Amino acid sequence: MTTKPEVTSFFDPETFTVSHVAADPETKRCAIIDPVLDYCQASGRTGTKLAAEIAAYVEGAGLETEWIIETHIHADHLSSAPWLKDRLGGRIGIGFNVARVQTAFGEVFGAGPSFRADGSQFDHLFQDGEEYRVGALPARAIWTPGHTPACMTHVIGDAAFVGDTLFMPDYGTARCDFPGGDARTLYRSIQRIFDLPGETRMFLCHDYKAPGREHYAWETSVAAQREGNIHLAGGVDEDAFVDMRTQRDATLAMPRLILPSVQVNIRAGRLPDPAPNGRRYLKIPLDAF
C-alpha cells in the first residue's frame, strides 16, 4: 500500500493562494484543500473559473472527492468549497476551534442571532490528533494555531498541508495579528510540525515570491524548513521569535480581501442570502480594524 499521495496544485495569482488536490493513486479518492472562489473587489462579481479548473482535473482524472478541507478561516480569498461540494460531492471540514473565529468576526460583521458560532456550517470539525483516511491513505489532523485559533495541519500520507502557518523557507512564517492570533502560540505550533519526519513533503497555501527568487513555489519539506526558514533557522528561541513576529506584524497592512473573505468563510464559503430585491450583499464595517 502506498503512503504517497499524488498532489496537484492550482495557483491563483490574484490572491497568491495555492489550492491542492491530494489523491490516493490506488483508490482514486481525493481531498481538495483550500479552494478559491474568484472575486473582483471593484465590481463585487464572483466567479468559479479557478474552482472549475480543479473540478475539471478531478473529473478528468477519474477521482472521487471525499473531503474538501479548509486549513483555517482565510482572510485573503473567498472559499469555493460549497460550489465544489455541489459538483463533486465530499464533506467540508475545518478545525474544531473555528467557533472562536466565528464568534470574533460574527460580532465585527453584525452577523445577528441567526448566525450560529458553533461550526455547524461545516460538515465536519477535525479534532487535534484525529486520524482519518483519504482513500486508503492514512491522514491526521494536527492543531497548529497562532495565525488563527482554528488553524490545522493535515498530514495525508507523506505530505503535510500547513495552510498559512509556514511559507517557503526564504519567506518565513505567518502573521499573528488577526483576532485570536498569537506569536508565542505560533512558535509552539511550528515545533509540532517540525517534529514530523524530515522527509515529509510540505505544501503551502501561499507564496509571495521572496526577493531574489524568480518563480513561485509551494512545495518544500520539514527538513528544509527546520534548516533554512529565515524566521527560525539557527536556533531562534521562542522569545526572539515573538519579538521578531510582533515587530514585523506591526508593519503589515490588512489583507486586501479580508472584509469580503472572512464574512463568507465563517459561513463555510456560503454567500449571504439574497435581500428582498434578489441581490446579495456583503458588509463593510467601518473603523473595525
Protein backbone atom coordinates (compact mmCIF):
# COMPACT_ATOMS: atom_id res chain seq x y z
CA MET A 1 0.00 0.00 0.00
CA THR A 2 1.39 3.40 -0.96
CA THR A 3 1.57 6.25 1.55
CA LYS A 4 2.47 8.83 -1.07
CA PRO A 5 -0.46 10.88 -2.36
CA GLU A 6 -0.37 12.39 -5.81
CA VAL A 7 -0.55 16.12 -5.19
CA THR A 8 -1.69 18.50 -7.93
CA SER A 9 -1.65 22.22 -7.16
CA PHE A 10 -3.51 25.22 -8.56
CA PHE A 11 -2.05 28.72 -8.12
CA ASP A 12 -4.23 31.83 -8.06
CA PRO A 13 -2.06 34.84 -8.98
CA GLU A 14 -4.73 37.31 -7.82
CA THR A 15 -4.51 36.20 -4.20
CA PHE A 16 -1.21 34.28 -4.29
CA THR A 17 -3.16 31.28 -2.98
CA VAL A 18 -2.38 27.65 -3.76
CA SER A 19 -5.13 25.03 -3.68
CA HIS A 20 -4.19 21.36 -3.68
CA VAL A 21 -5.74 18.05 -4.67
CA ALA A 22 -4.26 15.13 -2.74
CA ALA A 23 -5.24 11.83 -4.35
CA ASP A 24 -4.72 8.21 -3.42
CA PRO A 25 -3.36 6.64 -6.63
CA GLU A 26 -4.76 3.22 -5.69
CA THR A 27 -8.38 4.03 -4.79
CA LYS A 28 -8.67 7.22 -6.87
CA ARG A 29 -10.17 9.08 -3.92
CA CYS A 30 -9.03 12.58 -3.05
CA ALA A 31 -9.13 15.58 -0.76
CA ILE A 32 -9.30 19.15 -2.08
CA ILE A 33 -7.52 21.63 0.18
CA ASP A 34 -8.15 25.40 0.40
CA PRO A 35 -10.07 26.02 -2.87
CA VAL A 36 -10.53 29.60 -4.12
CA LEU A 37 -13.63 31.40 -5.39
CA ASP A 38 -12.91 34.17 -7.89
CA TYR A 39 -13.83 37.61 -6.55
CA CYS A 40 -13.42 41.05 -8.11
CA GLN A 41 -13.24 43.66 -5.39
CA ALA A 42 -14.05 46.53 -7.74
CA SER A 43 -17.24 45.05 -9.18
CA GLY A 44 -18.27 42.66 -6.42
CA ARG A 45 -18.54 39.92 -9.02
CA THR A 46 -17.82 36.31 -8.07
CA GLY A 47 -16.79 33.54 -10.41
CA THR A 48 -15.83 29.88 -10.49
CA LYS A 49 -13.07 29.78 -13.10
CA LEU A 50 -10.47 28.55 -10.62
CA ALA A 51 -12.85 26.12 -8.95
CA ALA A 52 -13.90 24.80 -12.36
CA GLU A 53 -10.25 24.08 -13.19
CA ILE A 54 -9.98 21.98 -10.04
CA ALA A 55 -13.28 20.22 -10.80
CA ALA A 56 -12.22 19.50 -14.38
CA TYR A 57 -8.97 17.99 -13.15
CA VAL A 58 -10.74 15.82 -10.56
CA GLU A 59 -13.30 14.61 -13.08
CA GLY A 60 -10.75 14.12 -15.84
CA ALA A 61 -8.53 12.03 -13.57
CA GLY A 62 -11.48 9.88 -12.54
CA LEU A 63 -11.17 10.88 -8.87
CA GLU A 64 -13.84 10.66 -6.21
CA THR A 65 -13.86 13.58 -3.76
CA GLU A 66 -14.07 12.53 -0.13
CA TRP A 67 -13.00 15.75 1.59
CA ILE A 68 -12.90 19.48 0.92
CA ILE A 69 -10.62 20.77 3.66
CA GLU A 70 -10.14 24.33 4.88
CA THR A 71 -6.91 24.62 6.84
CA HIS A 72 -8.37 27.71 8.56
CA ILE A 73 -10.72 30.67 8.02
CA HIS A 74 -8.95 32.51 5.22
CA ALA A 75 -8.65 36.30 5.23
CA ASP A 76 -7.24 36.67 1.72
CA HIS A 77 -9.64 34.80 -0.54
CA LEU A 78 -13.20 33.53 -0.62
CA SER A 79 -13.68 29.77 -0.48
CA SER A 80 -15.29 27.80 -3.31
CA ALA A 81 -15.90 24.77 -1.09
CA PRO A 82 -19.73 24.80 -1.41
CA TRP A 83 -19.59 25.05 -5.21
CA LEU A 84 -17.15 22.15 -5.39
CA LYS A 85 -19.23 20.08 -2.99
CA ASP A 86 -22.31 20.60 -5.17
CA ARG A 87 -20.40 19.47 -8.26
CA LEU A 88 -18.11 16.77 -6.88
CA GLY A 89 -19.51 15.69 -3.52
CA GLY A 90 -17.39 15.28 -0.42
CA ARG A 91 -17.55 16.72 3.07
CA ILE A 92 -16.37 20.22 4.00
CA GLY A 93 -14.10 20.09 7.04
CA ILE A 94 -12.26 22.60 9.23
CA GLY A 95 -10.58 22.64 12.63
CA PHE A 96 -12.65 22.23 15.80
CA ASN A 97 -11.75 25.67 17.17
CA VAL A 98 -13.45 27.52 14.31
CA ALA A 99 -16.15 28.69 16.73
CA ARG A 100 -13.65 31.15 18.27
CA VAL A 101 -13.06 32.74 14.88
CA GLN A 102 -16.79 32.78 14.10
CA THR A 103 -17.54 34.47 17.42
CA ALA A 104 -14.93 37.18 16.94
CA PHE A 105 -15.77 38.02 13.35
CA GLY A 106 -19.50 37.40 13.68
CA GLU A 107 -19.56 40.30 16.10
CA VAL A 108 -17.47 42.51 13.79
CA PHE A 109 -19.83 41.89 10.89
CA GLY A 110 -23.04 42.04 12.91
CA ALA A 111 -23.98 38.52 11.87
CA GLY A 112 -27.02 38.60 14.15
CA PRO A 113 -28.72 35.99 16.34
CA SER A 114 -29.47 33.66 13.43
CA PHE A 115 -25.75 33.07 12.87
CA ARG A 116 -24.55 30.10 14.90
CA ALA A 117 -20.93 30.42 16.02
CA ASP A 118 -20.54 26.70 16.62
CA GLY A 119 -19.01 25.38 13.40
CA SER A 120 -22.31 23.82 12.32
CA GLN A 121 -21.98 25.38 8.86
CA PHE A 122 -19.26 22.80 8.14
CA ASP A 123 -19.84 19.08 7.64
CA HIS A 124 -17.02 18.04 9.96
CA LEU A 125 -14.86 19.61 12.64
CA PHE A 126 -11.43 17.97 12.86
CA GLN A 127 -10.12 17.36 16.37
CA ASP A 128 -6.46 17.66 17.34
CA GLY A 129 -4.79 14.36 16.55
CA GLU A 130 -7.82 12.98 14.73
CA GLU A 131 -6.98 10.17 12.33
CA TYR A 132 -8.93 9.71 9.11
CA ARG A 133 -8.33 8.44 5.59
CA VAL A 134 -8.24 9.71 2.04
CA GLY A 135 -8.99 6.54 0.15
CA ALA A 136 -6.52 4.08 1.68
CA LEU A 137 -4.06 6.81 2.66
CA PRO A 138 -3.68 7.39 6.41
CA ALA A 139 -4.32 11.01 7.40
CA ARG A 140 -4.08 13.00 10.61
CA ALA A 141 -5.15 16.48 11.69
CA ILE A 142 -2.76 18.45 13.91
CA TRP A 143 -3.93 21.63 15.65
CA THR A 144 -1.40 24.35 14.81
CA PRO A 145 -2.91 27.66 16.00
CA GLY A 146 -1.14 31.00 16.15
CA HIS A 147 -2.05 32.55 12.81
CA THR A 148 -5.67 31.92 13.79
CA PRO A 149 -7.13 29.85 16.65
CA ALA A 150 -8.55 27.27 14.21
CA CYS A 151 -5.50 26.50 12.06
CA MET A 152 -4.90 22.80 11.39
CA THR A 153 -2.10 21.00 9.59
CA HIS A 154 -3.28 17.94 7.68
CA VAL A 155 -0.81 15.12 7.14
CA ILE A 156 -2.00 12.87 4.33
CA GLY A 157 0.41 10.02 3.74
CA ASP A 158 3.86 11.59 3.43
CA ALA A 159 2.50 15.09 2.68
CA ALA A 160 1.70 17.87 5.17
CA PHE A 161 -0.65 20.70 4.22
CA VAL A 162 0.16 23.54 6.62
CA GLY A 163 -2.13 26.34 5.43
CA ASP A 164 -0.65 29.74 6.27
CA THR A 165 1.41 28.59 9.27
CA LEU A 166 4.62 28.50 7.24
CA PHE A 167 5.71 29.95 3.91
CA MET A 168 8.66 28.87 1.79
CA PRO A 169 11.88 28.87 3.85
CA ASP A 170 13.08 32.07 2.17
CA TYR A 171 9.86 33.91 3.13
CA GLY A 172 9.25 32.84 6.70
CA THR A 173 6.16 32.41 8.84
CA ALA A 174 2.55 33.56 9.19
CA ARG A 175 1.40 36.83 10.69
CA CYS A 176 -0.27 36.62 14.11
CA ASP A 177 -2.13 39.93 14.45
CA PHE A 178 -5.63 38.82 13.48
CA PRO A 179 -8.23 38.29 16.24
CA GLY A 180 -7.17 35.25 18.24
CA GLY A 181 -3.69 35.14 16.71
CA ASP A 182 -0.65 34.81 18.93
CA ALA A 183 3.05 34.68 18.04
CA ARG A 184 4.07 32.54 21.00
CA THR A 185 1.38 30.02 20.13
CA LEU A 186 2.55 30.01 16.51
CA TYR A 187 6.12 29.23 17.55
CA ARG A 188 4.96 26.24 19.57
CA SER A 189 2.70 25.04 16.75
CA ILE A 190 5.61 25.15 14.31
CA GLN A 191 7.58 22.92 16.65
CA ARG A 192 4.80 20.33 16.32
CA ILE A 193 5.21 20.47 12.55
CA PHE A 194 9.00 20.23 12.90
CA ASP A 195 8.51 17.03 14.91
CA LEU A 196 7.29 15.32 11.74
CA PRO A 197 9.85 13.24 9.81
CA GLY A 198 12.26 15.45 7.91
CA GLU A 199 11.38 13.85 4.57
CA THR A 200 7.71 14.82 4.96
CA ARG A 201 6.69 16.83 1.92
CA MET A 202 5.20 20.18 2.90
CA PHE A 203 2.63 22.02 0.79
CA LEU A 204 1.85 25.67 1.46
CA CYS A 205 -1.27 27.77 0.95
CA HIS A 206 0.52 30.88 -0.31
CA ASP A 207 3.67 32.11 -1.95
CA TYR A 208 4.64 35.75 -2.41
CA LYS A 209 7.98 35.04 -4.14
CA ALA A 210 10.75 36.20 -1.83
CA PRO A 211 13.14 38.85 -3.18
CA GLY A 212 15.70 37.30 -5.49
CA ARG A 213 13.60 34.26 -6.35
CA GLU A 214 12.31 34.11 -9.94
CA HIS A 215 9.46 31.62 -9.62
CA TYR A 216 6.55 30.97 -7.31
CA ALA A 217 6.91 27.85 -5.20
CA TRP A 218 4.73 26.00 -2.71
CA GLU A 219 6.39 22.66 -2.02
CA THR A 220 9.21 22.16 0.44
CA SER A 221 9.96 19.68 3.23
CA VAL A 222 10.04 19.58 7.01
CA ALA A 223 13.84 19.22 6.91
CA ALA A 224 14.22 22.23 4.61
CA GLN A 225 12.08 24.34 6.93
CA ARG A 226 13.96 23.26 10.03
CA GLU A 227 17.29 24.07 8.44
CA GLY A 228 16.51 27.15 6.39
CA ASN A 229 13.37 29.07 7.39
CA ILE A 230 14.57 32.65 7.70
CA HIS A 231 12.46 33.29 10.81
CA LEU A 232 13.55 30.13 12.65
CA ALA A 233 16.88 28.82 11.39
CA GLY A 234 19.96 28.89 13.58
CA GLY A 235 18.22 28.01 16.82
CA VAL A 236 15.95 31.05 17.18
CA ASP A 237 14.31 30.73 20.59
CA GLU A 238 10.70 31.43 21.45
CA ASP A 239 11.19 34.91 22.90
CA ALA A 240 13.31 36.07 19.97
CA PHE A 241 10.72 34.74 17.53
CA VAL A 242 7.88 36.50 19.36
CA ASP A 243 9.78 39.80 19.30
CA MET A 244 10.52 39.47 15.59
CA ARG A 245 6.99 38.41 14.67
CA THR A 246 5.35 41.15 16.75
CA GLN A 247 7.52 43.88 15.27
CA ARG A 248 7.02 42.60 11.74
CA ASP A 249 3.26 42.29 12.11
CA ALA A 250 3.05 45.93 13.22
CA THR A 251 4.29 46.97 9.77
CA LEU A 252 1.82 44.88 7.72
CA ALA A 253 -1.32 46.21 6.09
CA MET A 254 -4.59 44.30 6.33
CA PRO A 255 -5.10 41.73 3.54
CA ARG A 256 -6.84 43.29 0.53
CA LEU A 257 -9.81 40.93 0.67
CA ILE A 258 -10.16 40.40 4.41
CA LEU A 259 -13.61 42.02 4.67
CA PRO A 260 -15.38 40.00 1.97
CA SER A 261 -13.38 36.85 2.65
CA VAL A 262 -13.91 36.39 6.35
CA GLN A 263 -17.65 37.06 6.39
CA VAL A 264 -18.14 34.45 3.67
CA ASN A 265 -15.63 31.92 5.00
CA ILE A 266 -17.04 31.83 8.55
CA ARG A 267 -20.17 30.52 6.80
CA ALA A 268 -18.16 27.69 5.21
CA GLY A 269 -17.89 29.63 1.94
CA ARG A 270 -21.60 30.24 1.53
CA LEU A 271 -22.61 33.64 0.18
CA PRO A 272 -25.15 35.74 2.10
CA ASP A 273 -28.82 35.08 1.44
CA PRO A 274 -30.40 37.40 -1.13
CA ALA A 275 -32.09 40.58 0.07
CA PRO A 276 -35.74 41.23 -0.85
CA ASN A 277 -34.58 42.73 -4.16
CA GLY A 278 -32.86 39.45 -5.06
CA ARG A 279 -29.30 40.74 -4.69
CA ARG A 280 -26.69 39.51 -2.25
CA TYR A 281 -24.74 42.00 -0.15
CA LEU A 282 -21.54 41.96 1.89
CA LYS A 283 -21.00 44.30 4.83
CA ILE A 284 -18.10 46.73 5.18
CA PRO A 285 -17.58 47.50 8.89
CA LEU A 286 -16.08 50.96 9.32
CA ASP A 287 -13.14 51.58 11.67
CA ALA A 288 -13.18 47.97 12.86
CA PHE A 289 -9.52 47.21 12.15
